[in-house]
Amino acid sequence: MLKPRTYPATAITMLRSTTTTTMLNSKPILPTTIALLLLRRPIPPRRPYSSSSTRPSATSSTPSHTYPHHLPWSSLTPFEKFGRALNQSMNFSLILIGLTLTSGVFYLLYTEVFSSDSKTSHFNSAFNRIKSDPRCTELLGDGRKLKAFGEESPNSWRKARPIASTVTKDNKGVEHLRIEFNVQGPKGIGRINIHMTRSPGHGHEFEYQTFFVDVKGQKRLWLENKAAAAALRQQSRKPEAFKLFGVKWS
């Protein structure tokens, strides 16, 4: 036996209100509208998503492989011992390579920048001497406005002008340091040329051999000339000739 179909109270109420409104407006009710009102059901609320769902994930069923680093050495198989030894050797090699590169960088910075015998140190010392020398400032201008730079480059995009410097050693073991750069001032531009040497048995510092400034249209200005200074000292030490009766006897 078929049971009579029951409809929700909401649908019946809406049907009654619609029927009353239609009767007041004197318009017929369409059968389709009545069917839709009777079949309408309230939409149940959606269940919120829970992160602790018990539904098994796709990756949870796959066992993860972990290398047995926590196991003692005696309980490992020969293959696992070989893998652990290889892994530790690679890590130790990477640490050694990193320490070597770091030491090399620090050594390079010390020898090229911070050391008293570095090229940068000698360049700064020479430039400070030029700025404080009255003969140089007379040719180039105010020492506070002097600028030092390296070789001129034909490339307009290349802004860096490095200082030209070379270090060589002769067959006697003497090191020769040569530095060349330019100095620009309000009155002109000068070319600086420095030659320094360091002998094996005469300490660890370089000594000036020549240090001069060339300005276009001016006479060369010598700040250091060891050969000329030695010849002058030798000449001043030479004993005077013996005079007797107005005649010099050598």
C-alpha atoms as a PDB file:
ATOM      1  CA  MET A   1       0.000   0.000   0.000  1.00  0.00           C
ATOM      2  CA  LEU A   2       1.393   3.395  -0.999  1.00  0.00           C
ATOM      3  CA  LYS A   3       1.932   5.920   1.734  1.00  0.00           C
ATOM      4  CA  PRO A   4       0.772   9.456   1.144  1.00  0.00           C
ATOM      5  CA  ARG A   5       3.592  11.886   0.370  1.00  0.00           C
ATOM      6  CA  THR A   6       4.202  14.575   2.944  1.00  0.00           C
ATOM      7  CA  TYR A   7       5.555  18.025   2.137  1.00  0.00           C
ATOM      8  CA  PRO A   8       7.519  20.362   4.370  1.00  0.00           C
ATOM      9  CA  ALA A   9       5.774  23.149   6.166  1.00  0.00           C
ATOM     10  CA  THR A  10       7.898  25.728   4.384  1.00  0.00           C
ATOM     11  CA  ALA A  11       6.694  24.616   0.985  1.00  0.00           C
ATOM     12  CA  ILE A  12       3.041  24.594   2.127  1.00  0.00           C
ATOM     13  CA  THR A  13       3.375  28.084   3.587  1.00  0.00           C
ATOM     14  CA  MET A  14       4.989  29.423   0.419  1.00  0.00           C
ATOM     15  CA  LEU A  15       2.295  27.724  -1.663  1.00  0.00           C
ATOM     16  CA  ARG A  16      -0.446  29.322   0.414  1.00  0.00           C
ATOM     17  CA  SER A  17       1.138  32.766   0.182  1.00  0.00           C
ATOM     18  CA  THR A  18       1.626  32.379  -3.552  1.00  0.00           C
ATOM     19  CA  THR A  19      -1.965  31.198  -4.020  1.00  0.00           C
ATOM     20  CA  THR A  20      -3.297  34.102  -2.013  1.00  0.00           C
ATOM     21  CA  THR A  21      -1.216  36.602  -3.943  1.00  0.00           C
ATOM     22  CA  THR A  22      -2.266  35.070  -7.230  1.00  0.00           C
ATOM     23  CA  MET A  23      -5.899  35.149  -6.289  1.00  0.00           C
ATOM     24  CA  LEU A  24      -5.592  38.781  -5.347  1.00  0.00           C
ATOM     25  CA  ASN A  25      -3.905  39.563  -8.636  1.00  0.00           C
ATOM     26  CA  SER A  26      -6.411  37.409 -10.535  1.00  0.00           C
ATOM     27  CA  LYS A  27      -3.666  35.538 -12.373  1.00  0.00           C
ATOM     28  CA  PRO A  28      -3.547  31.746 -12.825  1.00  0.00           C
ATOM     29  CA  ILE A  29      -0.867  29.655 -11.142  1.00  0.00           C
ATOM     30  CA  LEU A  30       1.281  27.645 -13.439  1.00  0.00           C
ATOM     31  CA  PRO A  31       1.591  23.932 -12.638  1.00  0.00           C
ATOM     32  CA  THR A  32       5.363  24.098 -13.004  1.00  0.00           C
ATOM     33  CA  THR A  33       5.595  26.706 -10.273  1.00  0.00           C
ATOM     34  CA  ILE A  34       3.541  24.565  -7.884  1.00  0.00           C
ATOM     35  CA  ALA A  35       5.723  21.530  -8.571  1.00  0.00           C
ATOM     36  CA  LEU A  36       8.911  23.477  -7.900  1.00  0.00           C
ATOM     37  CA  LEU A  37       7.580  24.822  -4.633  1.00  0.00           C
ATOM     38  CA  LEU A  38       6.537  21.359  -3.467  1.00  0.00           C
ATOM     39  CA  LEU A  39       9.849  19.769  -4.350  1.00  0.00           C
ATOM     40  CA  ARG A  40      11.987  22.459  -2.751  1.00  0.00           C
ATOM     41  CA  ARG A  41      13.973  21.310   0.256  1.00  0.00           C
ATOM     42  CA  PRO A  42      16.137  23.335   2.649  1.00  0.00           C
ATOM     43  CA  ILE A  43      19.863  23.011   1.791  1.00  0.00           C
ATOM     44  CA  PRO A  44      21.780  21.418   4.664  1.00  0.00           C
ATOM     45  CA  PRO A  45      24.876  23.322   5.883  1.00  0.00           C
ATOM     46  CA  ARG A  46      28.257  22.208   4.471  1.00  0.00           C
ATOM     47  CA  ARG A  47      30.526  20.384   6.877  1.00  0.00           C
ATOM     48  CA  PRO A  48      33.771  22.238   7.573  1.00  0.00           C
ATOM     49  CA  TYR A  49      37.021  20.691   6.368  1.00  0.00           C
ATOM     50  CA  SER A  50      39.014  19.003   9.107  1.00  0.00           C
ATOM     51  CA  SER A  51      42.795  18.705   8.887  1.00  0.00           C
ATOM     52  CA  SER A  52      42.631  15.661  11.133  1.00  0.00           C
ATOM     53  CA  SER A  53      40.621  13.625   8.681  1.00  0.00           C
ATOM     54  CA  THR A  54      40.981   9.916   9.029  1.00  0.00           C
ATOM     55  CA  ARG A  55      40.887   9.390   5.289  1.00  0.00           C
ATOM     56  CA  PRO A  56      44.179   7.734   4.285  1.00  0.00           C
ATOM     57  CA  SER A  57      46.409   9.853   2.040  1.00  0.00           C
ATOM     58  CA  ALA A  58      48.081   8.670  -1.120  1.00  0.00           C
ATOM     59  CA  THR A  59      51.560   9.018   0.333  1.00  0.00           C
ATOM     60  CA  SER A  60      50.899   7.512   3.753  1.00  0.00           C
ATOM     61  CA  SER A  61      50.758   4.004   2.380  1.00  0.00           C
ATOM     62  CA  THR A  62      54.243   4.313   0.830  1.00  0.00           C
ATOM     63  CA  PRO A  63      56.956   3.456   3.352  1.00  0.00           C
ATOM     64  CA  SER A  64      59.714   6.102   3.571  1.00  0.00           C
ATOM     65  CA  HIS A  65      63.304   4.982   3.327  1.00  0.00           C
ATOM     66  CA  THR A  66      65.595   6.375   6.028  1.00  0.00           C
ATOM     67  CA  TYR A  67      69.327   5.823   6.074  1.00  0.00           C
ATOM     68  CA  PRO A  68      70.340   4.137   9.335  1.00  0.00           C
ATOM     69  CA  HIS A  69      72.597   6.932  10.669  1.00  0.00           C
ATOM     70  CA  HIS A  70      71.438   6.297  14.223  1.00  0.00           C
ATOM     71  CA  LEU A  71      72.475   2.658  14.199  1.00  0.00           C
ATOM     72  CA  PRO A  72      75.851   1.675  15.674  1.00  0.00           C
ATOM     73  CA  TRP A  73      78.673   0.758  13.323  1.00  0.00           C
ATOM     74  CA  SER A  74      78.783  -2.867  14.426  1.00  0.00           C
ATOM     75  CA  SER A  75      75.145  -3.482  13.473  1.00  0.00           C
ATOM     76  CA  LEU A  76      75.514  -2.225   9.883  1.00  0.00           C
ATOM     77  CA  THR A  77      75.901  -4.410   6.832  1.00  0.00           C
ATOM     78  CA  PRO A  78      79.038  -4.047   4.678  1.00  0.00           C
ATOM     79  CA  PHE A  79      77.076  -2.073   2.093  1.00  0.00           C
ATOM     80  CA  GLU A  80      75.710   0.305   4.756  1.00  0.00           C
ATOM     81  CA  LYS A  81      79.197   0.743   6.238  1.00  0.00           C
ATOM     82  CA  PHE A  82      80.540   1.684   2.816  1.00  0.00           C
ATOM     83  CA  GLY A  83      77.713   4.183   2.283  1.00  0.00           C
ATOM     84  CA  ARG A  84      78.209   5.811   5.674  1.00  0.00           C
ATOM     85  CA  ALA A  85      81.990   6.070   5.198  1.00  0.00           C
ATOM     86  CA  LEU A  86      81.536   7.567   1.729  1.00  0.00           C
ATOM     87  CA  ASN A  87      79.012  10.086   3.022  1.00  0.00           C
ATOM     88  CA  GLN A  88      81.249  11.203   5.885  1.00  0.00           C
ATOM     89  CA  SER A  89      84.263  11.448   3.577  1.00  0.00           C
ATOM     90  CA  MET A  90      82.373  13.711   1.188  1.00  0.00           C
ATOM     91  CA  ASN A  91      81.224  15.962   4.030  1.00  0.00           C
ATOM     92  CA  PHE A  92      84.757  16.209   5.387  1.00  0.00           C
ATOM     93  CA  SER A  93      86.088  17.022   1.896  1.00  0.00           C
ATOM     94  CA  LEU A  94      83.560  19.814   1.462  1.00  0.00           C
ATOM     95  CA  ILE A  95      84.580  21.286   4.822  1.00  0.00           C
ATOM     96  CA  LEU A  96      88.262  21.195   3.839  1.00  0.00           C
ATOM     97  CA  ILE A  97      87.543  22.849   0.489  1.00  0.00           C
ATOM     98  CA  GLY A  98      85.552  25.604   2.188  1.00  0.00           C
ATOM     99  CA  LEU A  99      88.314  26.246   4.741  1.00  0.00           C
ATOM    100  CA  THR A 100      90.948  26.335   1.991  1.00  0.00           C
ATOM    101  CA  LEU A 101      88.997  28.831  -0.109  1.00  0.00           C
ATOM    102  CA  THR A 102      88.284  31.032   2.914  1.00  0.00           C
ATOM    103  CA  SER A 103      91.960  31.011   3.922  1.00  0.00           C
ATOM    104  CA  GLY A 104      92.973  31.900   0.371  1.00  0.00           C
ATOM    105  CA  VAL A 105      90.603  34.865   0.292  1.00  0.00           C
ATOM    106  CA  PHE A 106      91.870  36.190   3.637  1.00  0.00           C
ATOM    107  CA  TYR A 107      95.501  35.736   2.568  1.00  0.00           C
ATOM    108  CA  LEU A 108      94.867  37.571  -0.703  1.00  0.00           C
ATOM    109  CA  LEU A 109      93.152  40.450   1.097  1.00  0.00           C
ATOM    110  CA  TYR A 110      96.010  40.734   3.584  1.00  0.00           C
ATOM    111  CA  THR A 111      98.825  40.634   1.046  1.00  0.00           C
ATOM    112  CA  GLU A 112      97.120  42.946  -1.471  1.00  0.00           C
ATOM    113  CA  VAL A 113      95.348  45.430   0.809  1.00  0.00           C
ATOM    114  CA  PHE A 114      96.145  45.332   4.525  1.00  0.00           C
ATOM    115  CA  SER A 115      99.831  44.394   4.574  1.00  0.00           C
ATOM    116  CA  SER A 116     102.407  47.179   4.905  1.00  0.00           C
ATOM    117  CA  ASP A 117     104.243  45.769   1.867  1.00  0.00           C
ATOM    118  CA  SER A 118     101.153  45.497  -0.341  1.00  0.00           C
ATOM    119  CA  LYS A 119     100.794  47.449  -3.577  1.00  0.00           C
ATOM    120  CA  THR A 120      97.824  49.325  -2.164  1.00  0.00           C
ATOM    121  CA  SER A 121      99.801  50.418   0.877  1.00  0.00           C
ATOM    122  CA  HIS A 122     102.719  51.720  -1.231  1.00  0.00           C
ATOM    123  CA  PHE A 123     100.317  53.493  -3.579  1.00  0.00           C
ATOM    124  CA  ASN A 124      98.564  55.255  -0.680  1.00  0.00           C
ATOM    125  CA  SER A 125     101.895  56.232   0.859  1.00  0.00           C
ATOM    126  CA  ALA A 126     103.169  57.690  -2.428  1.00  0.00           C
ATOM    127  CA  PHE A 127      99.939  59.590  -3.083  1.00  0.00           C
ATOM    128  CA  ASN A 128      99.951  61.101   0.426  1.00  0.00           C
ATOM    129  CA  ARG A 129     103.532  62.173  -0.110  1.00  0.00           C
ATOM    130  CA  ILE A 130     102.633  63.899  -3.384  1.00  0.00           C
ATOM    131  CA  LYS A 131      99.740  65.755  -1.746  1.00  0.00           C
ATOM    132  CA  SER A 132     102.007  67.049   1.045  1.00  0.00           C
ATOM    133  CA  ASP A 133     105.031  67.976  -1.116  1.00  0.00           C
ATOM    134  CA  PRO A 134     105.055  71.715  -1.946  1.00  0.00           C
ATOM    135  CA  ARG A 135     106.907  71.121  -5.238  1.00  0.00           C
ATOM    136  CA  CYS A 136     104.131  68.776  -6.432  1.00  0.00           C
ATOM    137  CA  THR A 137     101.329  71.071  -5.335  1.00  0.00           C
ATOM    138  CA  GLU A 138     103.016  73.922  -7.183  1.00  0.00           C
ATOM    139  CA  LEU A 139     102.808  71.938 -10.420  1.00  0.00           C
ATOM    140  CA  LEU A 140      99.444  70.190  -9.904  1.00  0.00           C
ATOM    141  CA  GLY A 141      97.473  72.414  -7.557  1.00  0.00           C
ATOM    142  CA  ASP A 142      95.976  72.173  -4.098  1.00  0.00           C
ATOM    143  CA  GLY A 143      96.787  68.832  -2.478  1.00  0.00           C
ATOM    144  CA  ARG A 144      93.253  68.495  -1.095  1.00  0.00           C
ATOM    145  CA  LYS A 145      91.860  68.553  -4.638  1.00  0.00           C
ATOM    146  CA  LEU A 146      94.231  66.008  -6.164  1.00  0.00           C
ATOM    147  CA  LYS A 147      92.803  62.771  -7.553  1.00  0.00           C
ATOM    148  CA  ALA A 148      94.761  59.635  -8.370  1.00  0.00           C
ATOM    149  CA  PHE A 149      93.696  57.108 -11.005  1.00  0.00           C
ATOM    150  CA  GLY A 150      95.198  54.340 -13.074  1.00  0.00           C
ATOM    151  CA  GLU A 151      95.609  53.743 -16.765  1.00  0.00           C
ATOM    152  CA  GLU A 152      93.363  55.540 -19.214  1.00  0.00           C
ATOM    153  CA  SER A 153      90.974  53.198 -21.013  1.00  0.00           C
ATOM    154  CA  PRO A 154      89.644  53.818 -24.554  1.00  0.00           C
ATOM    155  CA  ASN A 155      86.422  52.069 -23.557  1.00  0.00           C
ATOM    156  CA  SER A 156      83.956  54.725 -22.392  1.00  0.00           C
ATOM    157  CA  TRP A 157      81.878  52.070 -20.585  1.00  0.00           C
ATOM    158  CA  ARG A 158      84.782  51.011 -18.396  1.00  0.00           C
ATOM    159  CA  LYS A 159      84.770  53.313 -15.395  1.00  0.00           C
ATOM    160  CA  ALA A 160      87.336  51.440 -13.293  1.00  0.00           C
ATOM    161  CA  ARG A 161      90.931  52.528 -13.989  1.00  0.00           C
ATOM    162  CA  PRO A 162      93.231  50.143 -12.126  1.00  0.00           C
ATOM    163  CA  ILE A 163      96.677  51.089 -10.920  1.00  0.00           C
ATOM    164  CA  ALA A 164      99.454  49.538 -13.013  1.00  0.00           C
ATOM    165  CA  SER A 165     101.881  47.580 -10.837  1.00  0.00           C
ATOM    166  CA  THR A 166     104.267  44.698 -11.387  1.00  0.00           C
ATOM    167  CA  VAL A 167     106.512  42.622  -9.140  1.00  0.00           C
ATOM    168  CA  THR A 168     109.507  40.819 -10.649  1.00  0.00           C
ATOM    169  CA  LYS A 169     112.571  39.065  -9.287  1.00  0.00           C
ATOM    170  CA  ASP A 170     116.026  39.115 -10.890  1.00  0.00           C
ATOM    171  CA  ASN A 171     118.673  36.394 -10.916  1.00  0.00           C
ATOM    172  CA  LYS A 172     120.122  37.690  -7.624  1.00  0.00           C
ATOM    173  CA  GLY A 173     116.806  37.241  -5.807  1.00  0.00           C
ATOM    174  CA  VAL A 174     116.052  40.962  -5.598  1.00  0.00           C
ATOM    175  CA  GLU A 175     112.356  41.836  -5.929  1.00  0.00           C
ATOM    176  CA  HIS A 176     111.471  44.839  -8.075  1.00  0.00           C
ATOM    177  CA  LEU A 177     108.157  46.621  -7.524  1.00  0.00           C
ATOM    178  CA  ARG A 178     107.067  49.138 -10.158  1.00  0.00           C
ATOM    179  CA  ILE A 179     103.972  51.300  -9.794  1.00  0.00           C
ATOM    180  CA  GLU A 180     102.608  53.789 -12.309  1.00  0.00           C
ATOM    181  CA  PHE A 181      99.540  55.990 -11.970  1.00  0.00           C
ATOM    182  CA  ASN A 182      98.221  59.460 -12.771  1.00  0.00           C
ATOM    183  CA  VAL A 183      97.452  62.398 -10.514  1.00  0.00           C
ATOM    184  CA  GLN A 184      95.048  65.110 -11.612  1.00  0.00           C
ATOM    185  CA  GLY A 185      94.839  68.531 -10.020  1.00  0.00           C
ATOM    186  CA  PRO A 186      93.464  71.997 -10.745  1.00  0.00           C
ATOM    187  CA  LYS A 187      96.637  72.964 -12.647  1.00  0.00           C
ATOM    188  CA  GLY A 188      97.249  69.801 -14.658  1.00  0.00           C
ATOM    189  CA  ILE A 189      97.840  66.063 -14.774  1.00  0.00           C
ATOM    190  CA  GLY A 190     101.041  64.361 -13.679  1.00  0.00           C
ATOM    191  CA  ARG A 191     102.409  60.897 -14.424  1.00  0.00           C
ATOM    192  CA  ILE A 192     103.868  59.118 -11.379  1.00  0.00           C
ATOM    193  CA  ASN A 193     106.546  56.447 -11.741  1.00  0.00           C
ATOM    194  CA  ILE A 194     107.857  54.455  -8.759  1.00  0.00           C
ATOM    195  CA  HIS A 195     110.560  51.789  -8.633  1.00  0.00           C
ATOM    196  CA  MET A 196     111.221  49.959  -5.370  1.00  0.00           C
ATOM    197  CA  THR A 197     113.433  46.982  -4.527  1.00  0.00           C
ATOM    198  CA  ARG A 198     113.711  44.458  -1.710  1.00  0.00           C
ATOM    199  CA  SER A 199     116.891  42.439  -1.257  1.00  0.00           C
ATOM    200  CA  PRO A 200     116.862  38.990   0.418  1.00  0.00           C
ATOM    201  CA  GLY A 201     119.295  39.902   3.190  1.00  0.00           C
ATOM    202  CA  HIS A 202     118.182  43.491   3.840  1.00  0.00           C
ATOM    203  CA  GLY A 203     114.926  43.148   5.751  1.00  0.00           C
ATOM    204  CA  HIS A 204     111.397  42.638   4.513  1.00  0.00           C
ATOM    205  CA  GLU A 205     110.546  46.181   3.378  1.00  0.00           C
ATOM    206  CA  PHE A 206     110.842  47.735  -0.052  1.00  0.00           C
ATOM    207  CA  GLU A 207     113.197  50.652  -0.590  1.00  0.00           C
ATOM    208  CA  TYR A 208     112.784  53.468  -3.080  1.00  0.00           C
ATOM    209  CA  GLN A 209     115.082  53.437  -6.081  1.00  0.00           C
ATOM    210  CA  THR A 210     113.327  56.075  -8.173  1.00  0.00           C
ATOM    211  CA  PHE A 211     110.235  58.173  -7.579  1.00  0.00           C
ATOM    212  CA  PHE A 212     109.486  61.008  -9.982  1.00  0.00           C
ATOM    213  CA  VAL A 213     106.613  63.073 -11.362  1.00  0.00           C
ATOM    214  CA  ASP A 214     106.278  64.035 -15.030  1.00  0.00           C
ATOM    215  CA  VAL A 215     104.041  66.975 -15.899  1.00  0.00           C
ATOM    216  CA  LYS A 216     103.607  68.002 -19.524  1.00  0.00           C
ATOM    217  CA  GLY A 217     105.621  71.105 -20.284  1.00  0.00           C
ATOM    218  CA  GLN A 218     107.550  70.948 -16.981  1.00  0.00           C
ATOM    219  CA  LYS A 219     110.896  69.563 -15.914  1.00  0.00           C
ATOM    220  CA  ARG A 220     110.873  66.113 -14.304  1.00  0.00           C
ATOM    221  CA  LEU A 221     110.468  66.360 -10.554  1.00  0.00           C
ATOM    222  CA  TRP A 222     112.505  63.798  -8.612  1.00  0.00           C
ATOM    223  CA  LEU A 223     111.247  62.799  -5.192  1.00  0.00           C
ATOM    224  CA  GLU A 224     113.575  59.810  -4.847  1.00  0.00           C
ATOM    225  CA  ASN A 225     116.702  58.914  -6.825  1.00  0.00           C
ATOM    226  CA  LYS A 226     118.865  56.484  -4.923  1.00  0.00           C
ATOM    227  CA  ALA A 227     121.604  56.229  -7.568  1.00  0.00           C
ATOM    228  CA  ALA A 228     122.007  60.008  -7.831  1.00  0.00           C
ATOM    229  CA  ALA A 229     121.949  60.394  -4.051  1.00  0.00           C
ATOM    230  CA  ALA A 230     124.640  57.708  -3.646  1.00  0.00           C
ATOM    231  CA  ALA A 231     126.842  59.402  -6.266  1.00  0.00           C
ATOM    232  CA  LEU A 232     126.393  62.736  -4.501  1.00  0.00           C
ATOM    233  CA  ARG A 233     127.359  61.253  -1.154  1.00  0.00           C
ATOM    234  CA  GLN A 234     130.384  59.573  -2.715  1.00  0.00           C
ATOM    235  CA  GLN A 235     131.460  62.856  -4.229  1.00  0.00           C
ATOM    236  CA  SER A 236     131.075  64.701  -0.937  1.00  0.00           C
ATOM    237  CA  ARG A 237     133.214  62.108   0.854  1.00  0.00           C
ATOM    238  CA  LYS A 238     136.078  62.342  -1.655  1.00  0.00           C
ATOM    239  CA  PRO A 239     139.135  63.957   0.082  1.00  0.00           C
ATOM    240  CA  GLU A 240     140.367  67.223  -1.288  1.00  0.00           C
ATOM    241  CA  ALA A 241     143.713  67.288  -3.123  1.00  0.00           C
ATOM    242  CA  PHE A 242     146.819  68.232  -1.079  1.00  0.00           C
ATOM    243  CA  LYS A 243     147.957  71.784  -1.817  1.00  0.00           C
ATOM    244  CA  LEU A 244     151.596  72.824  -1.563  1.00  0.00           C
ATOM    245  CA  PHE A 245     152.889  76.138  -2.859  1.00  0.00           C
ATOM    246  CA  GLY A 246     149.524  76.728  -4.589  1.00  0.00           C
ATOM    247  CA  VAL A 247     149.708  73.415  -6.473  1.00  0.00           C
ATOM    248  CA  LYS A 248     147.240  70.531  -5.941  1.00  0.00           C
ATOM    249  CA  TRP A 249     148.990  67.217  -5.404  1.00  0.00           C
ATOM    250  CA  SER A 250     146.727  64.232  -5.933  1.00  0.00           C
END
